[in-house]
Structure formats: C-alpha cells, structure tokens
Amino acid sequence: MNSKAIKQRIDSIDALRGLVIILMLLDHARERFFYNQPVADPMVLESTEPGLFWSRFAAHFCAPVFVFLTGLSAWLYQQKHEGSVKLTREFLWKRGLFLVLLEITVINFSWFGAYETLYLQVIWAIGLCMIALGACVGLPGRTLFALGLLIVAGHNALDFITLNPGEWGYTLWTVLHDRGFILKTEALSIKASYPLLPWIGVILLGYAAGPLYSKSFNPKRRARWLLSLATTCFISFLLLRGFNIYGETQVWTEQGNLAANIRAIFNVTKYPPSLNFVQITFAGMFVMLYLMERFQGHWTTILTSFGGAPMFFYIVHLYVLLVLYKLALFVFGTPGPGYLSLPNIYWIWLMTAALAALLYKPTQWFNQHKRSSTQAWIKYL
C-alpha cells in the first residue's frame, strides 16, 4: 500500500469521528436549549415528534463510534510500536485514567456549573473501557473478538437481573449494567449513567477489527469487508428487531402507518446499549467508514479537522453551550413553568450548524498544534 492510501485510511477514521462529533453537538444543543421536550430511553413515540425523534436517533451513533474507534486506534497504536503489549497497555491505562479524571472534574462541571450531582457518562465509560482493554491486549485477536461478540450479543440475556439499593452487588451491577445512583447524600450524589459492560464488548470488537486497517490490507478488500459487515449488521437487526425475537428490552408494535412503524422499529435502548442498538449503529458506522475512504474531498477534510481533536472539541463545546445558556437566562430570564427553550427542533439544527462553523477554526488550529507539539499532555486532548 502506498503512502497516499495509508493517509486516506487514517483520514477516513478521523472524518467519521468528525461526523459523530457534529451529531453529538446537535444532541447537546438539544439538551441545553430544547429540554422543555426531554426524550426518554427508549423514546415515547406518542410524545416525540418525528424531527425530534430522528435528531435523537442520529445521536445514537456517537457513543458506539467513539468506543469502537478507540479500540481500533489502540490496535493501530500497538502496530506503530512494533506490537508491544507493554507499551499499548501503559498507553491505554494512562489515557483511561486521564479520561475518568476529566469526567469527574472538568466535564461534569460543564453540564451544570456545579458539583451537586456527579454524572458518570460517556467519557467515564470510554476511560474504563480503555483500562479493561489494556488488561486484555495480550490475548489473541480471535479470542478478543469472540469475547466482545459474546458481551454485546449476550448481555440482554441478563436484563432480568435487577437489584435495589442496599442489596448485595447493587453498586457493581449498577455500574456494569443498570444505570442508577451509586451514592445519594445531601452533600453529593453520584449516578452511573453509562452502564459499562456492553461498551467493553464494543471496544473489544473495535480492537479486533484493527487488522482491517493494517498496512498490508488491500483497500479494495477492506471496502468489501466494510460493506459486508454493514449488510450483516443491518439484516440481523431487521430479523431480530423486526420480528421482536431478541436484543431489545421494549418490543415494537403496530403504529398505524409506515413512517410511524419505522420509528417504532428504530426506537432502541441506549442505556445500556441493547444488541439491536449496536446492530443498527454498527451498520451505519461501517457504511460511513466505506464512504469516507471511497470518496475523499473537501467535506472529509473539514470532518477530519473536527475528528483529529475530539477531546478538545468535546470540552470546548460543552462550556460554550453552558455560557450561552447562562447568557440567555440573563437576557430573557427564567421561564416560569420550565426551561428556556428555542421554538422548535429545527432551530436546534440551525444552532448546531452555527456552532460547528464557530468552533471549526479553533479545533483545526488545535489539531495542527497537537500534531506538531512535543508536550505529552497535549496528546491526551
């Protein structure tokens, strides 16, 4: 494979990260400026208009892509360092602990401007997944693939296990599978919002997929693999979800028309991510990986700038949204019955486009600075 092909391969991964970062921005703008219409998980179809439904569904792709590509990137890191398990494990453990620290300090404060409740969310989950992957990197790739597949496909069989606060194993099970409060006092509450177990399966699958992006893997062959994986995920989703066989906590029912039926089928559970959730998001992920390698252009260059500095963008955009909301409250005041909100979801789309344009240059600058800097801590962002 020539150097140009290698560069395109890396750019396609960063471009996909960039795309889901913009989708994440859309969802966080919704949570900040459209929370007068909160969405449940799964969504309540009767009270969720189509525009809001598909906006939230688009955001479903963010966490699976981030976690899967984290595993894939760990495999690439290991190859870059001559297959060293030791260096890869150290990298994953250090980076994972750093992400956990960010989650409970800088990131958590950005949501509410206070520490009254500590929410352990996606960055916490990615950090712990990296630590778990670090413990597993010495195992054969096929073993990691089988283990990841077993976890992702099998964890829904454990849905019947429910534990109440005070029962033995409650805290561990809440962290691994059932989101909820693991501490609740007057001074501080801690809520595990991203059940960890399924995401460990996702990061293992990402690592196991690493050989698809080895220097010796032919790009045309990789394209066929990506399309085959997308097709397999989508067809298996249609079979398991369409016939309510397995892989989702909430069965779908007839809604009266085709559009509503499609929403019902795609209304899958994120907390914890059900098998059907992973199937449909993986299908989209593999298609986009194919497209972003197959069709390079200005649009992928823009996305690559976002995807090359994901943590920088993540932190900055949360604080920008926090400041904007505080300013809006100062100007317009707090509405009596609820949250300060934009008129409809389409305003959120416009706001997302404006914020993406505003943050493009700073993110591009930091991406370039990070690549040229010799300071180790900058690499963590």
Protein backbone atom coordinates (compact mmCIF):
# COMPACT_ATOMS: atom_id res chain seq x y z
CA MET A 1 0.00 0.00 0.00
CA ASN A 2 1.41 3.40 -0.90
CA SER A 3 1.69 6.36 1.48
CA LYS A 4 -1.32 8.10 -0.08
CA ALA A 5 -3.56 5.11 0.64
CA ILE A 6 -2.32 4.98 4.23
CA LYS A 7 -3.10 8.70 4.68
CA GLN A 8 -6.61 8.24 3.25
CA ARG A 9 -7.22 5.36 5.60
CA ILE A 10 -6.30 7.44 8.65
CA ASP A 11 -8.30 10.39 7.36
CA SER A 12 -11.38 8.24 6.91
CA ILE A 13 -11.27 7.29 10.59
CA ASP A 14 -10.83 10.91 11.71
CA ALA A 15 -13.55 12.02 9.30
CA LEU A 16 -16.01 9.59 10.87
CA ARG A 17 -15.08 10.90 14.31
CA GLY A 18 -15.69 14.41 12.97
CA LEU A 19 -19.15 13.47 11.72
CA VAL A 20 -20.28 11.98 15.00
CA ILE A 21 -18.83 14.96 16.87
CA ILE A 22 -21.22 17.21 14.93
CA LEU A 23 -24.09 14.81 15.72
CA MET A 24 -23.04 14.98 19.36
CA LEU A 25 -23.10 18.78 19.17
CA LEU A 26 -26.66 18.55 17.84
CA ASP A 27 -27.73 16.36 20.74
CA HIS A 28 -26.06 18.50 23.38
CA ALA A 29 -27.54 21.68 21.90
CA ARG A 30 -30.92 19.94 22.15
CA GLU A 31 -30.28 19.04 25.78
CA ARG A 32 -29.31 22.62 26.56
CA PHE A 33 -31.85 24.62 24.51
CA PHE A 34 -34.73 22.19 23.90
CA TYR A 35 -35.02 20.39 27.19
CA ASN A 36 -38.61 21.50 27.55
CA GLN A 37 -39.24 18.35 25.48
CA PRO A 38 -36.92 15.75 27.06
CA VAL A 39 -36.73 12.34 25.41
CA ALA A 40 -36.87 9.09 27.32
CA ASP A 41 -34.88 5.95 26.54
CA PRO A 42 -36.35 4.33 24.52
CA MET A 43 -38.30 7.32 23.27
CA VAL A 44 -42.02 7.70 23.90
CA LEU A 45 -43.31 7.77 20.34
CA GLU A 46 -46.64 9.37 21.19
CA SER A 47 -44.97 12.49 22.58
CA THR A 48 -41.85 12.66 20.38
CA GLU A 49 -42.38 14.40 17.04
CA PRO A 50 -40.52 12.96 14.01
CA GLY A 51 -37.94 15.75 13.82
CA LEU A 52 -37.05 15.33 17.48
CA PHE A 53 -37.05 11.52 17.17
CA TRP A 54 -34.62 11.43 14.25
CA SER A 55 -32.41 14.09 15.85
CA ARG A 56 -32.07 11.92 18.93
CA PHE A 57 -31.66 8.76 16.86
CA ALA A 58 -28.80 10.37 14.89
CA ALA A 59 -27.01 10.97 18.20
CA HIS A 60 -27.22 7.23 18.95
CA PHE A 61 -24.29 6.74 16.59
CA CYS A 62 -21.90 8.84 18.69
CA ALA A 63 -21.02 6.56 21.60
CA PRO A 64 -20.68 3.31 19.57
CA VAL A 65 -18.43 5.01 17.02
CA PHE A 66 -16.26 6.68 19.68
CA VAL A 67 -15.84 3.45 21.66
CA PHE A 68 -15.31 1.20 18.62
CA LEU A 69 -12.74 3.57 17.08
CA THR A 70 -10.98 3.83 20.44
CA GLY A 71 -10.41 0.08 20.29
CA LEU A 72 -9.36 0.23 16.64
CA SER A 73 -6.96 3.10 17.37
CA ALA A 74 -5.44 1.09 20.21
CA TRP A 75 -4.64 -1.68 17.71
CA LEU A 76 -3.06 0.87 15.35
CA TYR A 77 -1.03 2.27 18.27
CA GLN A 78 0.25 -1.21 19.05
CA GLN A 79 1.32 -1.76 15.44
CA LYS A 80 3.08 1.60 15.40
CA HIS A 81 5.09 0.44 18.43
CA GLU A 82 6.11 -2.89 16.88
CA GLY A 83 3.33 -4.86 18.51
CA SER A 84 4.42 -4.04 22.06
CA VAL A 85 1.77 -5.23 24.50
CA LYS A 86 3.53 -3.44 27.36
CA LEU A 87 3.55 -0.01 25.69
CA THR A 88 -0.04 -0.42 24.47
CA ARG A 89 -1.25 -1.44 27.92
CA GLU A 90 0.52 1.51 29.55
CA PHE A 91 -0.96 3.87 26.95
CA LEU A 92 -4.49 2.55 27.49
CA TRP A 93 -4.27 2.64 31.28
CA LYS A 94 -2.80 6.14 31.43
CA ARG A 95 -5.25 7.53 28.88
CA GLY A 96 -8.16 5.74 30.51
CA LEU A 97 -7.38 7.14 33.97
CA PHE A 98 -6.96 10.59 32.44
CA LEU A 99 -10.43 10.38 30.87
CA VAL A 100 -12.00 9.27 34.15
CA LEU A 101 -10.36 12.24 35.88
CA LEU A 102 -11.65 14.62 33.19
CA GLU A 103 -15.17 13.24 33.53
CA ILE A 104 -15.43 13.79 37.27
CA THR A 105 -13.85 17.26 37.18
CA VAL A 106 -13.81 19.45 34.07
CA ILE A 107 -16.57 17.73 32.10
CA ASN A 108 -19.04 17.18 34.91
CA PHE A 109 -18.82 20.85 35.93
CA SER A 110 -19.58 21.92 32.34
CA TRP A 111 -23.07 20.42 32.47
CA PHE A 112 -24.47 22.32 35.43
CA GLY A 113 -21.78 24.71 36.61
CA ALA A 114 -21.85 22.87 39.95
CA TYR A 115 -20.90 19.54 41.56
CA GLU A 116 -24.16 18.74 43.33
CA THR A 117 -24.56 15.53 41.34
CA LEU A 118 -21.67 13.67 39.73
CA TYR A 119 -22.84 12.04 36.49
CA LEU A 120 -20.57 9.26 35.22
CA GLN A 121 -21.23 9.45 31.49
CA VAL A 122 -19.63 8.62 28.16
CA ILE A 123 -16.08 9.85 28.87
CA TRP A 124 -16.07 7.86 32.11
CA ALA A 125 -17.24 4.80 30.18
CA ILE A 126 -14.60 5.20 27.47
CA GLY A 127 -11.90 5.64 30.11
CA LEU A 128 -12.89 2.46 31.94
CA CYS A 129 -13.23 0.59 28.64
CA MET A 130 -9.64 1.57 27.80
CA ILE A 131 -8.50 0.24 31.16
CA ALA A 132 -10.39 -3.02 30.53
CA LEU A 133 -8.93 -3.31 27.02
CA GLY A 134 -5.46 -2.69 28.44
CA ALA A 135 -5.90 -5.77 30.62
CA CYS A 136 -6.85 -7.83 27.55
CA VAL A 137 -4.44 -6.72 24.81
CA GLY A 138 -2.15 -9.72 25.27
CA LEU A 139 -4.91 -12.15 24.27
CA PRO A 140 -5.24 -13.44 20.67
CA GLY A 141 -7.35 -11.31 18.34
CA ARG A 142 -9.88 -14.09 17.76
CA THR A 143 -10.33 -14.50 21.50
CA LEU A 144 -10.98 -10.79 21.92
CA PHE A 145 -13.45 -10.83 19.01
CA ALA A 146 -15.33 -13.78 20.50
CA LEU A 147 -15.39 -12.17 23.94
CA GLY A 148 -16.57 -8.83 22.55
CA LEU A 149 -19.29 -10.51 20.50
CA LEU A 150 -20.41 -12.58 23.48
CA ILE A 151 -20.74 -9.47 25.66
CA VAL A 152 -22.54 -7.35 23.05
CA ALA A 153 -24.89 -10.13 21.95
CA GLY A 154 -25.38 -11.79 25.32
CA HIS A 155 -25.81 -9.02 27.88
CA ASN A 156 -29.52 -8.63 27.08
CA ALA A 157 -30.00 -12.13 28.47
CA LEU A 158 -29.10 -10.61 31.85
CA ASP A 159 -31.86 -7.98 31.72
CA PHE A 160 -33.94 -9.97 34.19
CA ILE A 161 -31.41 -9.24 36.94
CA THR A 162 -32.48 -6.18 38.91
CA LEU A 163 -31.06 -5.11 42.25
CA ASN A 164 -32.30 -2.46 44.65
CA PRO A 165 -30.18 -0.03 46.67
CA GLY A 166 -28.81 -1.76 49.74
CA GLU A 167 -28.84 -5.23 48.19
CA TRP A 168 -25.56 -7.11 47.80
CA GLY A 169 -23.96 -6.36 44.43
CA TYR A 170 -26.16 -3.32 43.70
CA THR A 171 -23.31 -0.86 43.15
CA LEU A 172 -21.30 -3.17 40.89
CA TRP A 173 -24.36 -4.15 38.84
CA THR A 174 -25.43 -0.52 38.52
CA VAL A 175 -22.01 0.39 37.12
CA LEU A 176 -21.92 -2.63 34.79
CA HIS A 177 -25.48 -2.96 33.52
CA ASP A 178 -28.26 -0.95 35.19
CA ARG A 179 -27.82 2.82 35.30
CA GLY A 180 -28.71 4.48 38.58
CA PHE A 181 -27.41 6.24 41.67
CA ILE A 182 -24.50 4.57 43.42
CA LEU A 183 -24.38 7.28 46.06
CA LYS A 184 -27.07 9.68 47.21
CA THR A 185 -26.46 12.05 50.12
CA GLU A 186 -27.33 15.65 50.91
CA ALA A 187 -23.79 16.75 50.11
CA LEU A 188 -23.20 14.74 46.93
CA SER A 189 -24.92 12.27 44.64
CA ILE A 190 -23.19 10.02 42.11
CA LYS A 191 -25.08 8.47 39.20
CA ALA A 192 -23.67 5.88 36.80
CA SER A 193 -25.35 6.96 33.56
CA TYR A 194 -23.47 4.74 31.08
CA PRO A 195 -23.66 1.04 32.06
CA LEU A 196 -20.18 -0.25 31.34
CA LEU A 197 -20.43 -3.94 30.39
CA PRO A 198 -21.78 -3.62 26.81
CA TRP A 199 -19.27 -0.87 25.99
CA ILE A 200 -16.41 -3.16 27.00
CA GLY A 201 -17.74 -5.54 24.34
CA VAL A 202 -17.80 -2.72 21.78
CA ILE A 203 -14.19 -1.65 22.45
CA LEU A 204 -13.03 -5.27 22.19
CA LEU A 205 -14.73 -5.56 18.80
CA GLY A 206 -13.05 -2.33 17.69
CA TYR A 207 -9.64 -3.67 18.67
CA ALA A 208 -10.36 -6.99 16.93
CA ALA A 209 -11.25 -5.06 13.75
CA GLY A 210 -7.84 -3.39 13.71
CA PRO A 211 -6.29 -5.75 11.12
CA LEU A 212 -8.73 -4.37 8.53
CA TYR A 213 -6.61 -1.21 8.67
CA SER A 214 -3.17 -2.83 8.62
CA LYS A 215 -0.70 -1.58 6.02
CA SER A 216 -0.84 -4.93 4.22
CA PHE A 217 -4.65 -4.98 3.91
CA ASN A 218 -5.73 -4.09 0.37
CA PRO A 219 -8.10 -1.06 0.31
CA LYS A 220 -10.48 -2.76 -2.14
CA ARG A 221 -10.65 -5.81 0.08
CA ARG A 222 -11.27 -3.57 3.10
CA ALA A 223 -14.12 -1.88 1.23
CA ARG A 224 -15.75 -5.26 0.60
CA TRP A 225 -15.33 -6.17 4.26
CA LEU A 226 -16.89 -2.91 5.43
CA LEU A 227 -19.91 -3.32 3.17
CA SER A 228 -20.29 -6.97 4.18
CA LEU A 229 -20.17 -6.06 7.86
CA ALA A 230 -22.72 -3.27 7.33
CA THR A 231 -25.04 -5.64 5.47
CA THR A 232 -24.70 -8.35 8.13
CA CYS A 233 -25.46 -5.90 10.94
CA PHE A 234 -28.46 -4.41 9.12
CA ILE A 235 -30.04 -7.71 8.07
CA SER A 236 -29.55 -9.24 11.51
CA PHE A 237 -31.11 -6.10 13.01
CA LEU A 238 -34.15 -6.38 10.73
CA LEU A 239 -34.61 -10.04 11.63
CA LEU A 240 -34.14 -9.76 15.40
CA ARG A 241 -35.87 -6.42 15.83
CA GLY A 242 -38.42 -6.74 13.05
CA PHE A 243 -39.80 -9.97 14.48
CA ASN A 244 -39.20 -8.98 18.13
CA ILE A 245 -37.01 -12.05 18.59
CA TYR A 246 -34.19 -10.86 20.84
CA GLY A 247 -31.89 -7.99 21.63
CA GLU A 248 -34.22 -5.24 22.83
CA THR A 249 -36.00 -4.64 26.12
CA GLN A 250 -39.04 -3.00 24.51
CA VAL A 251 -40.92 -4.75 21.71
CA TRP A 252 -42.28 -2.63 18.90
CA THR A 253 -45.97 -2.67 17.99
CA GLU A 254 -48.07 -1.61 15.01
CA GLN A 255 -48.39 2.19 14.89
CA GLY A 256 -50.92 2.63 12.11
CA ASN A 257 -48.75 3.90 9.25
CA LEU A 258 -45.39 3.08 7.63
CA ALA A 259 -43.46 6.12 8.89
CA ALA A 260 -44.55 5.54 12.48
CA ASN A 261 -43.78 1.82 12.19
CA ILE A 262 -40.23 2.64 11.04
CA ARG A 263 -39.75 4.91 14.04
CA ALA A 264 -41.02 2.16 16.33
CA ILE A 265 -38.59 -0.38 14.90
CA PHE A 266 -35.66 2.04 15.18
CA ASN A 267 -36.64 3.04 18.72
CA VAL A 268 -33.89 1.11 20.51
CA THR A 269 -32.41 1.25 24.01
CA LYS A 270 -29.14 3.08 24.66
CA TYR A 271 -28.82 2.66 28.46
CA PRO A 272 -27.44 0.00 28.42
CA PRO A 273 -26.99 -0.30 24.63
CA SER A 274 -29.10 -3.22 23.50
CA LEU A 275 -27.91 -5.70 20.89
CA ASN A 276 -30.34 -4.13 18.40
CA PHE A 277 -28.92 -0.68 19.23
CA VAL A 278 -25.40 -1.88 18.45
CA GLN A 279 -26.50 -3.67 15.28
CA ILE A 280 -28.12 -0.64 13.66
CA THR A 281 -25.44 1.83 14.75
CA PHE A 282 -22.67 -0.50 13.59
CA ALA A 283 -24.40 -0.85 10.22
CA GLY A 284 -24.30 2.92 9.77
CA MET A 285 -20.73 3.13 11.06
CA PHE A 286 -19.38 0.58 8.58
CA VAL A 287 -21.17 2.30 5.69
CA MET A 288 -19.69 5.66 6.65
CA LEU A 289 -16.20 4.20 7.00
CA TYR A 290 -16.57 2.85 3.48
CA LEU A 291 -17.87 6.13 2.06
CA MET A 292 -15.26 8.30 3.76
CA GLU A 293 -12.44 6.23 2.36
CA ARG A 294 -14.03 5.82 -1.04
CA PHE A 295 -14.98 9.47 -1.61
CA GLN A 296 -12.28 11.84 -0.41
CA GLY A 297 -12.90 15.57 -0.79
CA HIS A 298 -13.27 18.93 0.87
CA TRP A 299 -16.10 17.65 3.05
CA THR A 300 -13.92 14.89 4.50
CA THR A 301 -11.11 17.39 5.08
CA ILE A 302 -13.46 19.52 7.18
CA LEU A 303 -14.65 16.49 9.14
CA THR A 304 -11.07 15.34 9.68
CA SER A 305 -10.25 18.66 11.36
CA PHE A 306 -13.06 18.03 13.85
CA GLY A 307 -12.18 14.37 14.31
CA GLY A 308 -8.48 15.00 14.79
CA ALA A 309 -9.00 16.77 18.13
CA PRO A 310 -12.14 15.16 19.60
CA MET A 311 -11.44 15.76 23.28
CA PHE A 312 -10.58 19.42 22.71
CA PHE A 313 -13.85 19.92 20.82
CA TYR A 314 -15.81 17.94 23.42
CA ILE A 315 -14.69 20.10 26.33
CA VAL A 316 -14.89 23.43 24.48
CA HIS A 317 -18.37 22.87 23.05
CA LEU A 318 -19.81 21.93 26.46
CA TYR A 319 -18.55 25.15 28.02
CA VAL A 320 -19.69 27.22 25.03
CA LEU A 321 -23.20 25.79 25.46
CA LEU A 322 -23.10 26.41 29.21
CA VAL A 323 -22.06 30.05 28.75
CA LEU A 324 -24.64 30.63 26.01
CA TYR A 325 -27.40 29.24 28.19
CA LYS A 326 -26.37 31.36 31.17
CA LEU A 327 -26.29 34.44 28.93
CA ALA A 328 -29.72 33.58 27.54
CA LEU A 329 -31.09 33.26 31.07
CA PHE A 330 -29.58 36.64 31.95
CA VAL A 331 -31.14 38.31 28.90
CA PHE A 332 -34.53 36.60 28.76
CA GLY A 333 -34.98 35.43 32.33
CA THR A 334 -36.03 32.03 33.61
CA PRO A 335 -39.44 30.95 32.27
CA GLY A 336 -41.92 30.18 34.99
CA PRO A 337 -43.07 26.67 34.11
CA GLY A 338 -39.84 25.12 32.81
CA TYR A 339 -36.68 25.52 30.79
CA LEU A 340 -35.59 28.32 28.49
CA SER A 341 -36.07 26.85 25.03
CA LEU A 342 -35.87 27.56 21.33
CA PRO A 343 -39.21 27.41 19.46
CA ASN A 344 -38.71 24.01 17.77
CA ILE A 345 -36.14 21.36 16.90
CA TYR A 346 -35.32 23.00 13.57
CA TRP A 347 -33.85 25.96 15.44
CA ILE A 348 -31.58 23.45 17.19
CA TRP A 349 -30.37 22.26 13.78
CA LEU A 350 -29.55 25.85 12.79
CA MET A 351 -27.83 26.45 16.10
CA THR A 352 -25.73 23.31 15.61
CA ALA A 353 -24.61 24.45 12.16
CA ALA A 354 -23.68 27.90 13.53
CA LEU A 355 -21.72 26.47 16.47
CA ALA A 356 -19.92 23.96 14.23
CA ALA A 357 -18.83 26.83 11.97
CA LEU A 358 -17.78 28.90 15.01
CA LEU A 359 -15.68 26.09 16.51
CA TYR A 360 -14.14 24.85 13.26
CA LYS A 361 -11.12 27.18 13.19
CA PRO A 362 -10.19 26.74 16.89
CA THR A 363 -10.46 22.96 16.52
CA GLN A 364 -8.45 22.99 13.30
CA TRP A 365 -5.76 25.09 14.98
CA PHE A 366 -5.55 22.79 18.00
CA ASN A 367 -5.48 19.71 15.77
CA GLN A 368 -2.46 21.09 13.91
CA HIS A 369 -0.82 22.26 17.14
CA LYS A 370 -1.31 18.85 18.76
CA ARG A 371 0.39 17.07 15.86
CA SER A 372 3.44 19.35 15.96
CA SER A 373 3.75 19.73 19.74
CA THR A 374 6.28 17.74 21.77
CA GLN A 375 4.34 18.21 25.03
CA ALA A 376 2.96 14.86 26.14
CA TRP A 377 -0.15 16.21 27.91
CA ILE A 378 -1.42 17.88 24.73
CA LYS A 379 -1.61 14.47 23.03
CA TYR A 380 -4.24 13.48 25.60
CA LEU A 381 -6.62 16.08 24.14
